[in-house]
């Protein structure tokens, strides 16, 4: 967790200094993004909330997305951005972040290989990215996805 804590500590300081908040919708990272952000003392100043949206049902019930959106191809930048916007909207935060992908050991039902993740940030600036780790190691990918999400959020906030 130390590697995530270092990233979250810097990100938390940035958000606090700017008096901004973040909401998290994560899938493949399984809660690691939220856990990292919450590991920083004073996280209540910037952490609006988070959800693990691993299933279509969770996306519908926790984020309030329509059936049409909930059943879209899940591991792409457009879908990640829609969910980041919904997370931001649901909790009235400055920023929303979403990651969605295939941790492994196999790919997902959309044809993406293990190690594929899309990350999106919604807020005053919207951005999305795709990462391919090249690994089929599930736990390793979860950590990589969480690190990438925290780094991408910080880079987007900093412009």
Protein backbone atom coordinates (compact mmCIF):
# COMPACT_ATOMS: atom_id res chain seq x y z
CA UNK A 1 0.00 0.00 0.00
CA UNK A 2 2.98 2.32 0.49
CA UNK A 3 3.30 3.04 -3.22
CA UNK A 4 -0.38 3.94 -3.41
CA UNK A 5 -0.20 5.93 -0.16
CA UNK A 6 2.59 8.13 -1.52
CA UNK A 7 0.53 8.95 -4.59
CA UNK A 8 -2.65 9.49 -2.59
CA UNK A 9 -0.85 11.66 -0.04
CA UNK A 10 0.35 14.04 -2.76
CA UNK A 11 -3.04 13.97 -4.47
CA UNK A 12 -4.86 14.60 -1.20
CA UNK A 13 -2.64 17.60 -0.46
CA UNK A 14 -3.35 18.97 -3.94
CA UNK A 15 -7.12 18.52 -3.58
CA UNK A 16 -7.13 20.07 -0.08
CA UNK A 17 -5.08 23.07 -1.24
CA UNK A 18 -7.53 23.64 -4.09
CA UNK A 19 -10.57 22.95 -1.86
CA UNK A 20 -11.77 20.33 -4.34
CA UNK A 21 -13.37 16.91 -3.93
CA UNK A 22 -13.30 13.59 -5.75
CA UNK A 23 -15.71 10.70 -6.24
CA UNK A 24 -14.51 7.27 -7.35
CA UNK A 25 -16.17 4.59 -9.49
CA UNK A 26 -13.80 1.67 -9.81
CA UNK A 27 -14.13 -1.78 -11.23
CA UNK A 28 -11.00 -3.80 -11.82
CA UNK A 29 -8.98 -2.14 -9.04
CA UNK A 30 -11.57 -3.48 -6.59
CA UNK A 31 -11.50 -0.55 -4.17
CA UNK A 32 -7.76 0.13 -4.09
CA UNK A 33 -8.16 3.67 -5.45
CA UNK A 34 -10.65 4.57 -2.73
CA UNK A 35 -8.60 2.81 -0.05
CA UNK A 36 -5.50 4.76 -1.03
CA UNK A 37 -7.33 8.08 -0.99
CA UNK A 38 -8.87 7.25 2.39
CA UNK A 39 -5.53 6.22 3.91
CA UNK A 40 -4.47 9.87 4.04
CA UNK A 41 -5.27 11.69 7.30
CA UNK A 42 -7.86 14.38 6.62
CA UNK A 43 -9.33 12.55 3.62
CA UNK A 44 -12.81 13.73 4.57
CA UNK A 45 -11.81 17.17 3.25
CA UNK A 46 -11.60 15.85 -0.32
CA UNK A 47 -13.05 12.32 -0.58
CA UNK A 48 -16.76 12.54 -1.45
CA UNK A 49 -17.25 8.78 -1.79
CA UNK A 50 -16.60 5.77 -3.93
CA UNK A 51 -18.09 2.58 -5.27
CA UNK A 52 -16.89 -0.68 -6.73
CA UNK A 53 -19.02 -1.07 -9.84
CA UNK A 54 -17.92 -4.53 -10.90
CA UNK A 55 -21.28 -5.60 -12.33
CA UNK A 56 -23.99 -4.15 -14.55
CA UNK A 57 -26.34 -4.27 -11.58
CA UNK A 58 -23.91 -2.22 -9.48
CA UNK A 59 -23.54 0.36 -12.24
CA UNK A 60 -27.30 0.74 -12.48
CA UNK A 61 -28.01 0.82 -8.74
CA UNK A 62 -24.97 2.70 -7.43
CA UNK A 63 -24.42 5.15 -10.26
CA UNK A 64 -27.92 5.30 -11.65
CA UNK A 65 -26.90 4.61 -15.23
CA UNK A 66 -29.53 3.51 -17.70
CA UNK A 67 -29.83 -0.06 -18.95
CA UNK A 68 -28.49 1.09 -22.32
CA UNK A 69 -25.34 2.58 -20.79
CA UNK A 70 -24.92 -0.18 -18.23
CA UNK A 71 -24.74 -2.82 -20.95
CA UNK A 72 -22.26 -0.93 -23.16
CA UNK A 73 -18.86 -2.44 -23.87
CA UNK A 74 -17.25 -1.86 -20.51
CA UNK A 75 -13.52 -1.48 -20.97
CA UNK A 76 -13.25 1.55 -23.23
CA UNK A 77 -12.52 5.23 -22.71
CA UNK A 78 -16.01 6.44 -23.64
CA UNK A 79 -17.63 4.13 -21.09
CA UNK A 80 -15.11 5.07 -18.39
CA UNK A 81 -15.80 8.76 -18.98
CA UNK A 82 -19.57 8.25 -18.73
CA UNK A 83 -19.11 6.51 -15.37
CA UNK A 84 -16.63 9.13 -14.10
CA UNK A 85 -19.21 11.80 -14.90
CA UNK A 86 -21.94 9.82 -13.12
CA UNK A 87 -19.74 9.38 -10.01
CA UNK A 88 -19.05 13.11 -9.98
CA UNK A 89 -22.72 13.95 -10.50
CA UNK A 90 -24.07 11.53 -7.88
CA UNK A 91 -21.89 12.98 -5.11
CA UNK A 92 -21.61 16.57 -6.36
CA UNK A 93 -17.84 16.45 -6.33
CA UNK A 94 -15.36 18.57 -8.26
CA UNK A 95 -13.83 15.49 -9.89
CA UNK A 96 -14.99 11.99 -10.74
CA UNK A 97 -12.69 9.14 -11.67
CA UNK A 98 -13.44 5.72 -13.11
CA UNK A 99 -11.30 2.76 -14.06
CA UNK A 100 -12.60 -0.27 -15.89
CA UNK A 101 -10.67 -3.15 -17.42
CA UNK A 102 -9.51 -6.75 -17.36
CA UNK A 103 -7.26 -7.71 -14.47
CA UNK A 104 -6.62 -11.31 -15.45
CA UNK A 105 -5.64 -14.04 -15.56
CA UNK A 106 -7.77 -14.01 -18.71
CA UNK A 107 -9.18 -11.16 -20.75
CA UNK A 108 -12.73 -9.93 -20.52
CA UNK A 109 -15.84 -10.78 -22.51
CA UNK A 110 -15.26 -7.76 -24.77
CA UNK A 111 -12.06 -9.27 -26.18
CA UNK A 112 -9.60 -7.18 -24.18
CA UNK A 113 -6.51 -8.98 -22.93
CA UNK A 114 -5.60 -9.20 -19.27
CA UNK A 115 -3.82 -6.04 -18.21
CA UNK A 116 -6.10 -3.74 -20.25
CA UNK A 117 -7.66 -0.80 -18.39
CA UNK A 118 -9.36 2.45 -19.33
CA UNK A 119 -9.26 5.34 -16.89
CA UNK A 120 -11.29 8.52 -17.14
CA UNK A 121 -11.47 11.72 -15.15
CA UNK A 122 -14.45 14.06 -15.28
CA UNK A 123 -14.51 17.55 -13.88
CA UNK A 124 -13.52 21.02 -14.98
CA UNK A 125 -11.39 19.08 -17.48
CA UNK A 126 -12.37 15.69 -18.93
CA UNK A 127 -9.73 13.17 -19.97
CA UNK A 128 -9.43 9.45 -20.66
CA UNK A 129 -6.61 7.01 -21.29
CA UNK A 130 -5.95 3.34 -21.96
CA UNK A 131 -3.19 1.31 -20.34
CA UNK A 132 -1.94 -2.15 -21.33
CA UNK A 133 0.31 -3.66 -18.65
CA UNK A 134 1.20 -6.76 -20.68
CA UNK A 135 0.66 -8.90 -17.58
CA UNK A 136 -1.92 -11.59 -16.84
CA UNK A 137 -1.24 -11.42 -13.07
CA UNK A 138 -4.51 -10.32 -11.49
CA UNK A 139 -3.22 -8.80 -8.25
CA UNK A 140 -0.30 -7.10 -9.98
CA UNK A 141 -2.70 -5.54 -12.48
CA UNK A 142 -5.03 -4.32 -9.72
CA UNK A 143 -2.13 -2.43 -8.13
CA UNK A 144 -0.96 -1.09 -11.51
CA UNK A 145 -4.48 0.06 -12.40
CA UNK A 146 -4.86 1.87 -9.05
CA UNK A 147 -1.48 3.57 -9.41
CA UNK A 148 -2.27 4.65 -12.95
CA UNK A 149 -5.66 6.00 -11.86
CA UNK A 150 -4.15 8.10 -9.07
CA UNK A 151 -1.39 9.39 -11.35
CA UNK A 152 -3.86 10.21 -14.14
CA UNK A 153 -6.18 12.04 -11.76
CA UNK A 154 -3.31 14.15 -10.45
CA UNK A 155 -2.02 14.91 -13.97
CA UNK A 156 -5.51 15.92 -15.11
CA UNK A 157 -6.05 18.19 -12.11
CA UNK A 158 -2.66 19.82 -12.59
CA UNK A 159 -3.45 20.38 -16.28
